[in-house]
N, C-alpha and C. Protein backbone atom coordinates (compact mmCIF):
# COMPACT_ATOMS: atom_id res chain seq x y z
N GLU A 1 8.12 6.78 5.48
CA GLU A 1 7.11 5.92 4.84
C GLU A 1 7.40 5.82 3.35
N ASP A 2 7.45 4.62 2.84
CA ASP A 2 7.77 4.43 1.41
C ASP A 2 6.48 4.24 0.61
N VAL A 3 6.07 5.33 -0.04
CA VAL A 3 4.84 5.28 -0.82
C VAL A 3 5.15 5.20 -2.30
N PRO A 4 4.65 4.17 -2.95
CA PRO A 4 4.87 3.95 -4.38
C PRO A 4 4.15 4.99 -5.24
N ALA A 5 4.17 4.79 -6.55
CA ALA A 5 3.52 5.72 -7.47
C ALA A 5 2.01 5.60 -7.36
N VAL A 6 1.55 4.44 -6.88
CA VAL A 6 0.10 4.23 -6.74
C VAL A 6 -0.25 3.92 -5.29
N PRO A 7 -0.29 4.96 -4.47
CA PRO A 7 -0.60 4.78 -3.04
C PRO A 7 -2.00 4.20 -2.84
N LEU A 8 -2.91 4.55 -3.73
CA LEU A 8 -4.28 4.04 -3.63
C LEU A 8 -4.31 2.55 -3.86
N MET A 9 -3.82 2.13 -5.02
CA MET A 9 -3.82 0.69 -5.35
C MET A 9 -2.91 -0.07 -4.40
N TYR A 10 -1.74 0.51 -4.15
CA TYR A 10 -0.77 -0.16 -3.28
C TYR A 10 -1.28 -0.21 -1.84
N GLY A 11 -1.95 0.89 -1.45
CA GLY A 11 -2.48 0.96 -0.08
C GLY A 11 -3.49 -0.16 0.15
N ILE A 12 -4.39 -0.34 -0.81
CA ILE A 12 -5.41 -1.39 -0.69
C ILE A 12 -4.74 -2.76 -0.73
N ARG A 13 -3.79 -2.91 -1.64
CA ARG A 13 -3.11 -4.20 -1.79
C ARG A 13 -2.28 -4.47 -0.54
N ALA A 14 -1.63 -3.45 -0.04
CA ALA A 14 -0.80 -3.61 1.16
C ALA A 14 -1.67 -4.04 2.33
N GLU A 15 -2.82 -3.37 2.46
CA GLU A 15 -3.73 -3.73 3.56
C GLU A 15 -4.21 -5.17 3.41
N LYS A 16 -4.50 -5.56 2.17
CA LYS A 16 -4.98 -6.94 1.92
C LYS A 16 -3.84 -7.92 2.19
N SER A 17 -2.63 -7.51 1.84
CA SER A 17 -1.47 -8.39 2.05
C SER A 17 -1.09 -8.41 3.53
N GLY A 18 -1.33 -7.28 4.18
CA GLY A 18 -1.00 -7.22 5.61
C GLY A 18 0.20 -6.32 5.84
N VAL A 19 0.42 -5.39 4.91
CA VAL A 19 1.56 -4.47 5.04
C VAL A 19 1.05 -3.04 4.99
N SER A 20 0.50 -2.59 6.10
CA SER A 20 -0.04 -1.23 6.14
C SER A 20 1.08 -0.23 6.44
N ARG A 21 1.64 0.36 5.41
CA ARG A 21 2.73 1.33 5.55
C ARG A 21 3.86 0.75 6.35
């Protein structure tokens, strides 16, 4: 799993974008 420096912000953004991990 490629987790960026901001898993929180990226996680929310990824979910909104449609890229959950």
